Amino acid sequence: MLPAAISRITAALLPAVSRAIGATPGVLMPAGARPTLTVDPTPPEQPMTAYIGQTATGDIATGTVDYYTIFAVGGLLFVLTLGMNLLAVRLVRRFREVYE
């Protein structure tokens, strides 16, 4: 049964993962909306969506580094999500079984 269902499992799993990556409120709240800078070699990292949510407060001047960084991070997030969706489509087409 699993070989017959693998294409549908993939069709459900990969877009769900890409959607979870792009969920700003779901990442912003557990991240605490604030990264901390320490001397520790294993510092806490901030997810891309949390960075966008924290930085894009409306007080950023146009043309600053922060302004362009938000769009760069958003563009990278878009490319990653698009890549995961294209991978899902490719895997579904590859493992699809045709029944007569």
PDB file of N, CA and C in Angstrom:
ATOM      1  N   MET A   1       0.813  -1.181   0.000  1.00  0.00           N
ATOM      2  CA  MET A   1       0.000   0.000   0.000  1.00  0.00           C
ATOM      3  C   MET A   1       0.865   1.257   0.000  1.00  0.00           C
ATOM      4  N   LEU A   2       2.010   1.209   0.677  1.00  0.00           N
ATOM      5  CA  LEU A   2       2.864   2.375   0.743  1.00  0.00           C
ATOM      6  C   LEU A   2       3.388   2.808  -0.631  1.00  0.00           C
ATOM      7  N   PRO A   3       3.814   1.891  -1.503  1.00  0.00           N
ATOM      8  CA  PRO A   3       4.259   2.351  -2.823  1.00  0.00           C
ATOM      9  C   PRO A   3       3.164   3.067  -3.613  1.00  0.00           C
ATOM     10  N   ALA A   4       1.935   2.670  -3.425  1.00  0.00           N
ATOM     11  CA  ALA A   4       0.846   3.328  -4.126  1.00  0.00           C
ATOM     12  C   ALA A   4       0.531   4.697  -3.537  1.00  0.00           C
ATOM     13  N   ALA A   5       0.838   4.882  -2.270  1.00  0.00           N
ATOM     14  CA  ALA A   5       0.491   6.133  -1.599  1.00  0.00           C
ATOM     15  C   ALA A   5       1.648   7.120  -1.510  1.00  0.00           C
ATOM     16  N   ILE A   6       2.844   6.718  -1.946  1.00  0.00           N
ATOM     17  CA  ILE A   6       4.016   7.578  -1.749  1.00  0.00           C
ATOM     18  C   ILE A   6       3.895   8.916  -2.467  1.00  0.00           C
ATOM     19  N   SER A   7       3.268   8.939  -3.633  1.00  0.00           N
ATOM     20  CA  SER A   7       3.144  10.212  -4.345  1.00  0.00           C
ATOM     21  C   SER A   7       2.214  11.167  -3.597  1.00  0.00           C
ATOM     22  N   ARG A   8       1.162  10.662  -3.021  1.00  0.00           N
ATOM     23  CA  ARG A   8       0.236  11.524  -2.282  1.00  0.00           C
ATOM     24  C   ARG A   8       0.814  11.943  -0.932  1.00  0.00           C
ATOM     25  N   ILE A   9       1.592  11.068  -0.323  1.00  0.00           N
ATOM     26  CA  ILE A   9       2.250  11.448   0.928  1.00  0.00           C
ATOM     27  C   ILE A   9       3.236  12.575   0.657  1.00  0.00           C
ATOM     28  N   THR A  10       3.982  12.455  -0.427  1.00  0.00           N
ATOM     29  CA  THR A  10       4.919  13.501  -0.816  1.00  0.00           C
ATOM     30  C   THR A  10       4.180  14.778  -1.160  1.00  0.00           C
ATOM     31  N   ALA A  11       3.058  14.637  -1.864  1.00  0.00           N
ATOM     32  CA  ALA A  11       2.267  15.808  -2.243  1.00  0.00           C
ATOM     33  C   ALA A  11       1.736  16.543  -1.023  1.00  0.00           C
ATOM     34  N   ALA A  12       1.559  15.865   0.062  1.00  0.00           N
ATOM     35  CA  ALA A  12       1.074  16.508   1.278  1.00  0.00           C
ATOM     36  C   ALA A  12       2.213  17.012   2.159  1.00  0.00           C
ATOM     37  N   LEU A  13       3.311  16.271   2.212  1.00  0.00           N
ATOM     38  CA  LEU A  13       4.380  16.584   3.151  1.00  0.00           C
ATOM     39  C   LEU A  13       5.237  17.779   2.735  1.00  0.00           C
ATOM     40  N   LEU A  14       5.717  17.812   1.513  1.00  0.00           N
ATOM     41  CA  LEU A  14       6.623  18.889   1.107  1.00  0.00           C
ATOM     42  C   LEU A  14       5.970  20.271   1.089  1.00  0.00           C
ATOM     43  N   PRO A  15       4.771  20.440   0.547  1.00  0.00           N
ATOM     44  CA  PRO A  15       4.154  21.771   0.665  1.00  0.00           C
ATOM     45  C   PRO A  15       3.838  22.156   2.112  1.00  0.00           C
ATOM     46  N   ALA A  16       3.560  21.168   2.950  1.00  0.00           N
ATOM     47  CA  ALA A  16       3.315  21.472   4.358  1.00  0.00           C
ATOM     48  C   ALA A  16       4.586  21.990   5.029  1.00  0.00           C
ATOM     49  N   VAL A  17       5.715  21.407   4.683  1.00  0.00           N
ATOM     50  CA  VAL A  17       6.984  21.863   5.241  1.00  0.00           C
ATOM     51  C   VAL A  17       7.309  23.265   4.735  1.00  0.00           C
ATOM     52  N   SER A  18       7.114  23.496   3.443  1.00  0.00           N
ATOM     53  CA  SER A  18       7.407  24.828   2.906  1.00  0.00           C
ATOM     54  C   SER A  18       6.455  25.875   3.474  1.00  0.00           C
ATOM     55  N   ARG A  19       5.250  25.477   3.767  1.00  0.00           N
ATOM     56  CA  ARG A  19       4.318  26.415   4.387  1.00  0.00           C
ATOM     57  C   ARG A  19       4.712  26.708   5.835  1.00  0.00           C
ATOM     58  N   ALA A  20       5.209  25.696   6.521  1.00  0.00           N
ATOM     59  CA  ALA A  20       5.658  25.891   7.900  1.00  0.00           C
ATOM     60  C   ALA A  20       6.872  26.804   7.962  1.00  0.00           C
ATOM     61  N   ILE A  21       7.735  26.744   6.956  1.00  0.00           N
ATOM     62  CA  ILE A  21       8.904  27.613   6.919  1.00  0.00           C
ATOM     63  C   ILE A  21       8.470  29.068   6.783  1.00  0.00           C
ATOM     64  N   GLY A  22       7.421  29.315   6.030  1.00  0.00           N
ATOM     65  CA  GLY A  22       6.984  30.681   5.782  1.00  0.00           C
ATOM     66  C   GLY A  22       5.979  31.227   6.762  1.00  0.00           C
ATOM     67  N   ALA A  23       5.666  30.498   7.811  1.00  0.00           N
ATOM     68  CA  ALA A  23       4.655  30.956   8.766  1.00  0.00           C
ATOM     69  C   ALA A  23       5.279  31.931   9.759  1.00  0.00           C
ATOM     70  N   THR A  24       5.127  33.216   9.514  1.00  0.00           N
ATOM     71  CA  THR A  24       5.761  34.231  10.352  1.00  0.00           C
ATOM     72  C   THR A  24       5.255  34.222  11.797  1.00  0.00           C
ATOM     73  N   PRO A  25       3.958  34.262  12.056  1.00  0.00           N
ATOM     74  CA  PRO A  25       3.536  34.300  13.460  1.00  0.00           C
ATOM     75  C   PRO A  25       3.916  33.045  14.232  1.00  0.00           C
ATOM     76  N   GLY A  26       3.900  31.908  13.583  1.00  0.00           N
ATOM     77  CA  GLY A  26       4.252  30.669  14.253  1.00  0.00           C
ATOM     78  C   GLY A  26       5.720  30.589  14.620  1.00  0.00           C
ATOM     79  N   VAL A  27       6.552  31.331  13.935  1.00  0.00           N
ATOM     80  CA  VAL A  27       7.983  31.340  14.229  1.00  0.00           C
ATOM     81  C   VAL A  27       8.344  32.527  15.110  1.00  0.00           C
ATOM     82  N   LEU A  28       7.655  33.623  14.950  1.00  0.00           N
ATOM     83  CA  LEU A  28       7.986  34.841  15.684  1.00  0.00           C
ATOM     84  C   LEU A  28       7.715  34.696  17.182  1.00  0.00           C
ATOM     85  N   MET A  29       6.625  34.050  17.547  1.00  0.00           N
ATOM     86  CA  MET A  29       6.298  33.922  18.966  1.00  0.00           C
ATOM     87  C   MET A  29       7.267  33.003  19.714  1.00  0.00           C
ATOM     88  N   PRO A  30       7.548  31.778  19.227  1.00  0.00           N
ATOM     89  CA  PRO A  30       8.517  30.940  19.964  1.00  0.00           C
ATOM     90  C   PRO A  30       9.926  31.522  19.961  1.00  0.00           C
ATOM     91  N   ALA A  31      10.268  32.301  18.933  1.00  0.00           N
ATOM     92  CA  ALA A  31      11.608  32.884  18.875  1.00  0.00           C
ATOM     93  C   ALA A  31      11.760  34.017  19.879  1.00  0.00           C
ATOM     94  N   GLY A  32      10.680  34.468  20.457  1.00  0.00           N
ATOM     95  CA  GLY A  32      10.752  35.525  21.451  1.00  0.00           C
ATOM     96  C   GLY A  32      10.871  36.901  20.853  1.00  0.00           C
ATOM     97  N   ALA A  33      10.842  36.981  19.524  1.00  0.00           N
ATOM     98  CA  ALA A  33      10.919  38.246  18.798  1.00  0.00           C
ATOM     99  C   ALA A  33      12.181  39.038  19.135  1.00  0.00           C
ATOM    100  N   ARG A  34      13.203  38.367  19.683  1.00  0.00           N
ATOM    101  CA  ARG A  34      14.421  39.093  20.024  1.00  0.00           C
ATOM    102  C   ARG A  34      15.607  38.126  20.078  1.00  0.00           C
ATOM    103  N   PRO A  35      16.574  38.262  19.167  1.00  0.00           N
ATOM    104  CA  PRO A  35      17.789  37.464  19.308  1.00  0.00           C
ATOM    105  C   PRO A  35      18.706  38.114  20.346  1.00  0.00           C
ATOM    106  N   THR A  36      19.480  37.322  21.021  1.00  0.00           N
ATOM    107  CA  THR A  36      20.391  37.877  22.011  1.00  0.00           C
ATOM    108  C   THR A  36      21.823  37.680  21.539  1.00  0.00           C
ATOM    109  N   LEU A  37      22.636  38.698  21.685  1.00  0.00           N
ATOM    110  CA  LEU A  37      24.025  38.656  21.278  1.00  0.00           C
ATOM    111  C   LEU A  37      24.880  38.314  22.487  1.00  0.00           C
ATOM    112  N   THR A  38      25.594  37.186  22.413  1.00  0.00           N
ATOM    113  CA  THR A  38      26.440  36.759  23.522  1.00  0.00           C
ATOM    114  C   THR A  38      27.809  36.354  22.992  1.00  0.00           C
ATOM    115  N   VAL A  39      28.718  36.043  23.912  1.00  0.00           N
ATOM    116  CA  VAL A  39      30.046  35.574  23.561  1.00  0.00           C
ATOM    117  C   VAL A  39      30.038  34.062  23.359  1.00  0.00           C
ATOM    118  N   ASP A  40      28.962  33.423  23.689  1.00  0.00           N
ATOM    119  CA  ASP A  40      28.807  31.976  23.555  1.00  0.00           C
ATOM    120  C   ASP A  40      29.024  31.561  22.099  1.00  0.00           C
ATOM    121  N   PRO A  41      29.821  30.508  21.827  1.00  0.00           N
ATOM    122  CA  PRO A  41      30.055  30.090  20.439  1.00  0.00           C
ATOM    123  C   PRO A  41      28.832  29.461  19.783  1.00  0.00           C
ATOM    124  N   THR A  42      27.836  29.114  20.552  1.00  0.00           N
ATOM    125  CA  THR A  42      26.610  28.559  19.987  1.00  0.00           C
ATOM    126  C   THR A  42      25.443  29.495  20.287  1.00  0.00           C
ATOM    127  N   PRO A  43      25.431  30.654  19.663  1.00  0.00           N
ATOM    128  CA  PRO A  43      24.386  31.627  19.987  1.00  0.00           C
ATOM    129  C   PRO A  43      23.023  31.189  19.430  1.00  0.00           C
ATOM    130  N   PRO A  44      21.967  31.660  20.046  1.00  0.00           N
ATOM    131  CA  PRO A  44      20.645  31.378  19.494  1.00  0.00           C
ATOM    132  C   PRO A  44      20.485  32.084  18.148  1.00  0.00           C
ATOM    133  N   GLU A  45      19.938  31.386  17.219  1.00  0.00           N
ATOM    134  CA  GLU A  45      19.767  31.961  15.896  1.00  0.00           C
ATOM    135  C   GLU A  45      18.330  32.407  15.700  1.00  0.00           C
ATOM    136  N   GLN A  46      18.146  33.269  14.739  1.00  0.00           N
ATOM    137  CA  GLN A  46      16.824  33.812  14.472  1.00  0.00           C
ATOM    138  C   GLN A  46      16.359  33.322  13.111  1.00  0.00           C
ATOM    139  N   PRO A  47      15.143  32.754  13.029  1.00  0.00           N
ATOM    140  CA  PRO A  47      14.619  32.334  11.730  1.00  0.00           C
ATOM    141  C   PRO A  47      14.395  33.529  10.809  1.00  0.00           C
ATOM    142  N   MET A  48      14.371  33.252   9.516  1.00  0.00           N
ATOM    143  CA  MET A  48      14.205  34.332   8.539  1.00  0.00           C
ATOM    144  C   MET A  48      12.886  35.070   8.731  1.00  0.00           C
ATOM    145  N   THR A  49      11.825  34.329   8.981  1.00  0.00           N
ATOM    146  CA  THR A  49      10.526  34.978   9.137  1.00  0.00           C
ATOM    147  C   THR A  49      10.472  35.816  10.403  1.00  0.00           C
ATOM    148  N   ALA A  50      11.155  35.364  11.456  1.00  0.00           N
ATOM    149  CA  ALA A  50      11.201  36.158  12.680  1.00  0.00           C
ATOM    150  C   ALA A  50      11.986  37.440  12.458  1.00  0.00           C
ATOM    151  N   TYR A  51      13.044  37.376  11.648  1.00  0.00           N
ATOM    152  CA  TYR A  51      13.815  38.580  11.336  1.00  0.00           C
ATOM    153  C   TYR A  51      12.948  39.590  10.591  1.00  0.00           C
ATOM    154  N   ILE A  52      12.184  39.112   9.627  1.00  0.00           N
ATOM    155  CA  ILE A  52      11.307  40.009   8.875  1.00  0.00           C
ATOM    156  C   ILE A  52      10.265  40.621   9.808  1.00  0.00           C
ATOM    157  N   GLY A  53       9.675  39.795  10.656  1.00  0.00           N
ATOM    158  CA  GLY A  53       8.656  40.289  11.575  1.00  0.00           C
ATOM    159  C   GLY A  53       9.181  41.276  12.590  1.00  0.00           C
ATOM    160  N   GLN A  54      10.411  41.076  13.032  1.00  0.00           N
ATOM    161  CA  GLN A  54      10.985  41.970  14.027  1.00  0.00           C
ATOM    162  C   GLN A  54      11.470  43.267  13.389  1.00  0.00           C
ATOM    163  N   THR A  55      12.049  43.187  12.203  1.00  0.00           N
ATOM    164  CA  THR A  55      12.661  44.355  11.581  1.00  0.00           C
ATOM    165  C   THR A  55      11.647  45.235  10.864  1.00  0.00           C
ATOM    166  N   ALA A  56      10.649  44.651  10.277  1.00  0.00           N
ATOM    167  CA  ALA A  56       9.683  45.411   9.486  1.00  0.00           C
ATOM    168  C   ALA A  56       8.609  46.010  10.386  1.00  0.00           C
ATOM    169  N   THR A  57       8.997  46.982  11.177  1.00  0.00           N
ATOM    170  CA  THR A  57       8.051  47.601  12.102  1.00  0.00           C
ATOM    171  C   THR A  57       7.429  48.874  11.554  1.00  0.00           C
ATOM    172  N   GLY A  58       7.888  49.342  10.422  1.00  0.00           N
ATOM    173  CA  GLY A  58       7.359  50.563   9.843  1.00  0.00           C
ATOM    174  C   GLY A  58       8.217  51.779  10.124  1.00  0.00           C
ATOM    175  N   ASP A  59       9.248  51.615  10.943  1.00  0.00           N
ATOM    176  CA  ASP A  59      10.116  52.739  11.291  1.00  0.00           C
ATOM    177  C   ASP A  59      11.417  52.755  10.497  1.00  0.00           C
ATOM    178  N   ILE A  60      11.519  51.911   9.483  1.00  0.00           N
ATOM    179  CA  ILE A  60      12.765  51.817   8.710  1.00  0.00           C
ATOM    180  C   ILE A  60      12.724  52.844   7.581  1.00  0.00           C
ATOM    181  N   ALA A  61      13.802  53.590   7.455  1.00  0.00           N
ATOM    182  CA  ALA A  61      13.894  54.577   6.376  1.00  0.00           C
ATOM    183  C   ALA A  61      14.167  53.877   5.049  1.00  0.00           C
ATOM    184  N   THR A  62      13.568  54.389   3.999  1.00  0.00           N
ATOM    185  CA  THR A  62      13.755  53.828   2.667  1.00  0.00           C
ATOM    186  C   THR A  62      15.199  54.029   2.225  1.00  0.00           C
ATOM    187  N   GLY A  63      15.779  52.959   1.669  1.00  0.00           N
ATOM    188  CA  GLY A  63      17.139  53.043   1.153  1.00  0.00           C
ATOM    189  C   GLY A  63      18.217  52.647   2.139  1.00  0.00           C
ATOM    190  N   THR A  64      17.854  52.274   3.354  1.00  0.00           N
ATOM    191  CA  THR A  64      18.860  51.851   4.327  1.00  0.00           C
ATOM    192  C   THR A  64      19.183  50.371   4.134  1.00  0.00           C
ATOM    193  N   VAL A  65      20.214  49.931   4.824  1.00  0.00           N
ATOM    194  CA  VAL A  65      20.616  48.528   4.733  1.00  0.00           C
ATOM    195  C   VAL A  65      19.511  47.624   5.285  1.00  0.00           C
ATOM    196  N   ASP A  66      18.896  48.017   6.385  1.00  0.00           N
ATOM    197  CA  ASP A  66      17.804  47.220   6.948  1.00  0.00           C
ATOM    198  C   ASP A  66      16.639  47.094   5.967  1.00  0.00           C
ATOM    199  N   TYR A  67      16.339  48.152   5.266  1.00  0.00           N
ATOM    200  CA  TYR A  67      15.247  48.158   4.291  1.00  0.00           C
ATOM    201  C   TYR A  67      15.511  47.130   3.194  1.00  0.00           C
ATOM    202  N   TYR A  68      16.717  47.145   2.641  1.00  0.00           N
ATOM    203  CA  TYR A  68      17.042  46.209   1.570  1.00  0.00           C
ATOM    204  C   TYR A  68      17.219  44.787   2.087  1.00  0.00           C
ATOM    205  N   THR A  69      17.657  44.650   3.332  1.00  0.00           N
ATOM    206  CA  THR A  69      17.828  43.315   3.908  1.00  0.00           C
ATOM    207  C   THR A  69      16.500  42.603   4.059  1.00  0.00           C
ATOM    208  N   ILE A  70      15.457  43.326   4.419  1.00  0.00           N
ATOM    209  CA  ILE A  70      14.137  42.702   4.546  1.00  0.00           C
ATOM    210  C   ILE A  70      13.699  42.111   3.217  1.00  0.00           C
ATOM    211  N   PHE A  71      13.901  42.851   2.139  1.00  0.00           N
ATOM    212  CA  PHE A  71      13.504  42.347   0.830  1.00  0.00           C
ATOM    213  C   PHE A  71      14.397  41.196   0.369  1.00  0.00           C
ATOM    214  N   ALA A  72      15.673  41.236   0.733  1.00  0.00           N
ATOM    215  CA  ALA A  72      16.575  40.137   0.387  1.00  0.00           C
ATOM    216  C   ALA A  72      16.176  38.855   1.120  1.00  0.00           C
ATOM    217  N   VAL A  73      15.869  38.963   2.393  1.00  0.00           N
ATOM    218  CA  VAL A  73      15.455  37.793   3.167  1.00  0.00           C
ATOM    219  C   VAL A  73      14.108  37.277   2.661  1.00  0.00           C
ATOM    220  N   GLY A  74      13.187  38.178   2.353  1.00  0.00           N
ATOM    221  CA  GLY A  74      11.898  37.762   1.796  1.00  0.00           C
ATOM    222  C   GLY A  74      12.051  37.083   0.444  1.00  0.00           C
ATOM    223  N   GLY A  75      12.944  37.597  -0.394  1.00  0.00           N
ATOM    224  CA  GLY A  75      13.197  36.967  -1.693  1.00  0.00           C
ATOM    225  C   GLY A  75      13.807  35.586  -1.538  1.00  0.00           C
ATOM    226  N   LEU A  76      14.743  35.434  -0.602  1.00  0.00           N
ATOM    227  CA  LEU A  76      15.339  34.127  -0.342  1.00  0.00           C
ATOM    228  C   LEU A  76      14.296  33.151   0.184  1.00  0.00           C
ATOM    229  N   LEU A  77      13.427  33.621   1.053  1.00  0.00           N
ATOM    230  CA  LEU A  77      12.352  32.781   1.576  1.00  0.00           C
ATOM    231  C   LEU A  77      11.417  32.340   0.455  1.00  0.00           C
ATOM    232  N   PHE A  78      11.122  33.243  -0.475  1.00  0.00           N
ATOM    233  CA  PHE A  78      10.283  32.902  -1.618  1.00  0.00           C
ATOM    234  C   PHE A  78      10.950  31.850  -2.488  1.00  0.00           C
ATOM    235  N   VAL A  79      12.244  32.008  -2.758  1.00  0.00           N
ATOM    236  CA  VAL A  79      12.963  31.055  -3.605  1.00  0.00           C
ATOM    237  C   VAL A  79      13.012  29.678  -2.942  1.00  0.00           C
ATOM    238  N   LEU A  80      13.249  29.627  -1.633  1.00  0.00           N
ATOM    239  CA  LEU A  80      13.261  28.341  -0.931  1.00  0.00           C
ATOM    240  C   LEU A  80      11.895  27.660  -0.982  1.00  0.00           C
ATOM    241  N   THR A  81      10.831  28.424  -0.766  1.00  0.00           N
ATOM    242  CA  THR A  81       9.487  27.859  -0.814  1.00  0.00           C
ATOM    243  C   THR A  81       9.138  27.385  -2.221  1.00  0.00           C
ATOM    244  N   LEU A  82       9.497  28.171  -3.226  1.00  0.00           N
ATOM    245  CA  LEU A  82       9.254  27.766  -4.614  1.00  0.00           C
ATOM    246  C   LEU A  82      10.026  26.500  -4.941  1.00  0.00           C
ATOM    247  N   GLY A  83      11.269  26.411  -4.508  1.00  0.00           N
ATOM    248  CA  GLY A  83      12.071  25.214  -4.758  1.00  0.00           C
ATOM    249  C   GLY A  83      11.469  23.972  -4.124  1.00  0.00           C
ATOM    250  N   MET A  84      10.970  24.106  -2.905  1.00  0.00           N
ATOM    251  CA  MET A  84      10.345  22.950  -2.248  1.00  0.00           C
ATOM    252  C   MET A  84       9.064  22.539  -2.956  1.00  0.00           C
ATOM    253  N   ASN A  85       8.290  23.505  -3.437  1.00  0.00           N
ATOM    254  CA  ASN A  85       7.073  23.165  -4.167  1.00  0.00           C
ATOM    255  C   ASN A  85       7.388  22.503  -5.504  1.00  0.00           C
ATOM    256  N   LEU A  86       8.423  22.970  -6.196  1.00  0.00           N
ATOM    257  CA  LEU A  86       8.820  22.340  -7.456  1.00  0.00           C
ATOM    258  C   LEU A  86       9.346  20.926  -7.220  1.00  0.00           C
ATOM    259  N   LEU A  87      10.068  20.733  -6.120  1.00  0.00           N
ATOM    260  CA  LEU A  87      10.528  19.394  -5.767  1.00  0.00           C
ATOM    261  C   LEU A  87       9.351  18.472  -5.490  1.00  0.00           C
ATOM    262  N   ALA A  88       8.340  18.980  -4.809  1.00  0.00           N
ATOM    263  CA  ALA A  88       7.150  18.169  -4.533  1.00  0.00           C
ATOM    264  C   ALA A  88       6.453  17.762  -5.821  1.00  0.00           C
ATOM    265  N   VAL A  89       6.321  18.693  -6.764  1.00  0.00           N
ATOM    266  CA  VAL A  89       5.672  18.374  -8.037  1.00  0.00           C
ATOM    267  C   VAL A  89       6.476  17.316  -8.792  1.00  0.00           C
ATOM    268  N   ARG A  90       7.799  17.475  -8.798  1.00  0.00           N
ATOM    269  CA  ARG A  90       8.655  16.513  -9.506  1.00  0.00           C
ATOM    270  C   ARG A  90       8.561  15.117  -8.888  1.00  0.00           C
ATOM    271  N   LEU A  91       8.581  15.035  -7.550  1.00  0.00           N
ATOM    272  CA  LEU A  91       8.483  13.736  -6.892  1.00  0.00           C
ATOM    273  C   LEU A  91       7.126  13.092  -7.095  1.00  0.00           C
ATOM    274  N   VAL A  92       6.077  13.882  -7.092  1.00  0.00           N
ATOM    275  CA  VAL A  92       4.742  13.328  -7.312  1.00  0.00           C
ATOM    276  C   VAL A  92       4.644  12.754  -8.718  1.00  0.00           C
ATOM    277  N   ARG A  93       5.172  13.472  -9.696  1.00  0.00           N
ATOM    278  CA  ARG A  93       5.125  12.957 -11.076  1.00  0.00           C
ATOM    279  C   ARG A  93       5.993  11.716 -11.242  1.00  0.00           C
ATOM    280  N   ARG A  94       7.091  11.662 -10.523  1.00  0.00           N
ATOM    281  CA  ARG A  94       7.998  10.521 -10.661  1.00  0.00           C
ATOM    282  C   ARG A  94       7.422   9.253 -10.053  1.00  0.00           C
ATOM    283  N   PHE A  95       6.794   9.370  -8.892  1.00  0.00           N
ATOM    284  CA  PHE A  95       6.298   8.191  -8.176  1.00  0.00           C
ATOM    285  C   PHE A  95       4.821   7.914  -8.376  1.00  0.00           C
ATOM    286  N   ARG A  96       4.182   8.641  -9.263  1.00  0.00           N
ATOM    287  CA  ARG A  96       2.762   8.426  -9.482  1.00  0.00           C
ATOM    288  C   ARG A  96       2.534   7.078 -10.154  1.00  0.00           C
ATOM    289  N   GLU A  97       1.584   6.330  -9.631  1.00  0.00           N
ATOM    290  CA  GLU A  97       1.213   5.051 -10.233  1.00  0.00           C
ATOM    291  C   GLU A  97      -0.115   5.229 -10.931  1.00  0.00           C
ATOM    292  N   VAL A  98      -0.185   4.719 -12.144  1.00  0.00           N
ATOM    293  CA  VAL A  98      -1.397   4.839 -12.941  1.00  0.00           C
ATOM    294  C   VAL A  98      -2.182   3.544 -12.814  1.00  0.00           C
ATOM    295  N   TYR A  99      -3.441   3.677 -12.459  1.00  0.00           N
ATOM    296  CA  TYR A  99      -4.313   2.506 -12.301  1.00  0.00           C
ATOM    297  C   TYR A  99      -5.290   2.482 -13.468  1.00  0.00           C
ATOM    298  N   GLU A 100      -5.530   1.295 -13.940  1.00  0.00           N
ATOM    299  CA  GLU A 100      -6.466   1.158 -15.088  1.00  0.00           C
ATOM    300  C   GLU A 100      -7.810   0.692 -14.634  1.00  0.00           C
TER     301      GLU A 100
END
